[in-house]
Amino acid sequence: MRTLALALVFASGAALAQTGHEHGHGHGNPPGVPPPHFEAVSSKSFATLMADAMAVMDEGMRRAPMNGRAEHDFITMMIPHHQGAIDMAKAVLLHTQDPALRNLALGIIAEQQNEINLMRAWLAQHSQTKGQP
């Protein structure tokens, strides 16, 4: 059962890596260079995975499209922030067998993904009012 849960977590993470950081407003990488994405692989040390997760999160937050509306700008920056928490939880899942930490990490992944989904839905619902304060 645990193997199935981890397979689902990592499979969903791979799909999210393709779409999770697609918003951009020109900060960070040069034009035409895609943003970095996190890859949870057991061949990397925990420290390297955490550094990778932080770098991807920081870049995602730098690339977050801002329009001056507090609600919008908060959401666009929180999506990569929450994705960073998911990526860090995946890193610890690869490097610990502690049952309490594994449960905590799985809970973080589920909750943060749910919140990302809610934030994306909010953005979609409010996209027609982008320029309005």
Protein backbone atom coordinates (compact mmCIF):
# COMPACT_ATOMS: atom_id res chain seq x y z
CA MET A 1 0.00 0.00 0.00
CA ARG A 2 2.80 2.40 0.90
CA THR A 3 4.49 1.69 -2.45
CA LEU A 4 1.26 2.49 -4.28
CA ALA A 5 0.85 5.74 -2.34
CA LEU A 6 4.41 6.78 -3.16
CA ALA A 7 3.96 5.87 -6.81
CA LEU A 8 0.85 8.05 -6.97
CA VAL A 9 2.61 10.91 -5.19
CA PHE A 10 5.58 10.84 -7.54
CA ALA A 11 3.45 10.34 -10.65
CA SER A 12 1.31 13.35 -9.75
CA GLY A 13 4.46 15.32 -9.00
CA ALA A 14 5.87 14.58 -12.45
CA ALA A 15 2.70 15.91 -14.05
CA LEU A 16 2.78 18.98 -11.81
CA ALA A 17 6.39 19.66 -12.68
CA GLN A 18 5.27 20.11 -16.27
CA THR A 19 2.53 22.60 -15.38
CA GLY A 20 3.30 23.91 -11.92
CA HIS A 21 5.60 26.76 -12.93
CA GLU A 22 4.25 27.84 -16.30
CA HIS A 23 3.34 31.37 -15.21
CA GLY A 24 6.01 33.91 -16.01
CA HIS A 25 6.63 37.61 -16.26
CA GLY A 26 10.20 37.75 -17.46
CA HIS A 27 12.21 37.59 -14.23
CA GLY A 28 14.77 34.90 -13.65
CA ASN A 29 15.88 32.90 -16.67
CA PRO A 30 16.47 34.65 -20.00
CA PRO A 31 13.57 34.68 -22.50
CA GLY A 32 12.97 31.31 -24.08
CA VAL A 33 14.64 29.43 -21.21
CA PRO A 34 12.06 27.35 -19.36
CA PRO A 35 11.93 27.60 -15.59
CA PRO A 36 13.68 24.84 -13.66
CA HIS A 37 11.63 21.98 -12.30
CA PHE A 38 12.18 19.73 -9.33
CA GLU A 39 12.91 16.06 -9.82
CA ALA A 40 12.81 13.80 -6.77
CA VAL A 41 15.43 11.14 -7.46
CA SER A 42 17.11 8.84 -4.97
CA SER A 43 20.52 9.34 -6.59
CA LYS A 44 20.69 12.86 -5.07
CA SER A 45 21.48 13.57 -1.44
CA PHE A 46 18.82 15.05 0.78
CA ALA A 47 20.75 18.33 0.97
CA THR A 48 20.92 18.54 -2.83
CA LEU A 49 17.22 17.80 -3.19
CA MET A 50 16.35 20.48 -0.64
CA ALA A 51 18.58 23.00 -2.42
CA ASP A 52 16.94 22.07 -5.74
CA ALA A 53 13.46 22.46 -4.23
CA MET A 54 14.33 25.88 -2.84
CA ALA A 55 15.87 27.04 -6.14
CA VAL A 56 12.80 25.98 -8.10
CA MET A 57 10.48 27.62 -5.56
CA ASP A 58 12.48 30.87 -5.57
CA GLU A 59 12.50 30.98 -9.36
CA GLY A 60 8.77 30.25 -9.48
CA MET A 61 8.07 33.07 -7.09
CA ARG A 62 10.28 35.44 -9.10
CA ARG A 63 8.42 34.47 -12.27
CA ALA A 64 4.97 34.84 -10.70
CA PRO A 65 2.89 37.19 -12.83
CA MET A 66 1.99 40.30 -10.87
CA ASN A 67 -0.74 42.77 -11.76
CA GLY A 68 -0.87 44.96 -8.67
CA ARG A 69 -4.00 43.33 -7.20
CA ALA A 70 -3.11 42.00 -3.76
CA GLU A 71 -5.40 38.96 -4.11
CA HIS A 72 -4.00 37.98 -7.50
CA ASP A 73 -0.36 38.62 -6.62
CA PHE A 74 -0.68 36.70 -3.34
CA ILE A 75 -2.10 33.67 -5.15
CA THR A 76 0.45 33.69 -7.98
CA MET A 77 3.31 33.74 -5.50
CA MET A 78 1.77 31.16 -3.15
CA ILE A 79 1.43 28.52 -5.87
CA PRO A 80 5.20 28.02 -6.29
CA HIS A 81 5.63 28.41 -2.53
CA HIS A 82 3.22 25.52 -1.91
CA GLN A 83 4.85 23.51 -4.71
CA GLY A 84 8.14 24.01 -2.88
CA ALA A 85 6.64 22.41 0.22
CA ILE A 86 5.48 19.47 -1.89
CA ASP A 87 8.93 19.09 -3.42
CA MET A 88 10.62 19.19 0.00
CA ALA A 89 8.19 16.56 1.29
CA LYS A 90 9.05 14.33 -1.66
CA ALA A 91 12.73 14.74 -0.83
CA VAL A 92 12.27 13.58 2.74
CA LEU A 93 10.17 10.61 1.59
CA LEU A 94 13.20 9.42 -0.38
CA HIS A 95 15.52 9.74 2.61
CA THR A 96 13.63 8.62 5.71
CA GLN A 97 11.86 5.54 6.93
CA ASP A 98 10.53 7.29 10.05
CA PRO A 99 6.78 6.55 9.99
CA ALA A 100 5.77 9.83 11.63
CA LEU A 101 7.81 11.93 9.20
CA ARG A 102 6.58 9.91 6.23
CA ASN A 103 2.96 10.48 7.31
CA LEU A 104 3.67 14.17 7.82
CA ALA A 105 5.27 14.44 4.37
CA LEU A 106 2.37 12.62 2.69
CA GLY A 107 -0.07 14.92 4.48
CA ILE A 108 1.86 17.99 3.33
CA ILE A 109 1.78 16.75 -0.25
CA ALA A 110 -1.97 16.15 -0.14
CA GLU A 111 -2.88 19.41 1.61
CA GLN A 112 -0.55 21.66 -0.35
CA GLN A 113 -1.73 20.14 -3.64
CA ASN A 114 -5.33 20.71 -2.62
CA GLU A 115 -4.54 24.34 -1.84
CA ILE A 116 -2.72 24.76 -5.17
CA ASN A 117 -5.83 23.42 -6.92
CA LEU A 118 -8.00 25.92 -5.02
CA MET A 119 -5.66 28.79 -5.90
CA ARG A 120 -5.62 27.84 -9.58
CA ALA A 121 -9.41 27.70 -9.55
CA TRP A 122 -9.52 31.15 -7.94
CA LEU A 123 -7.20 32.51 -10.63
CA ALA A 124 -9.33 30.99 -13.38
CA GLN A 125 -12.51 32.41 -11.84
CA HIS A 126 -11.02 35.88 -11.43
CA SER A 127 -9.01 36.10 -14.65
CA GLN A 128 -11.64 38.26 -16.31
CA THR A 129 -11.01 40.98 -13.69
CA LYS A 130 -7.17 41.06 -13.99
CA GLY A 131 -6.77 44.78 -14.32
CA GLN A 132 -9.41 45.83 -11.83
CA PRO A 133 -8.36 46.73 -8.26
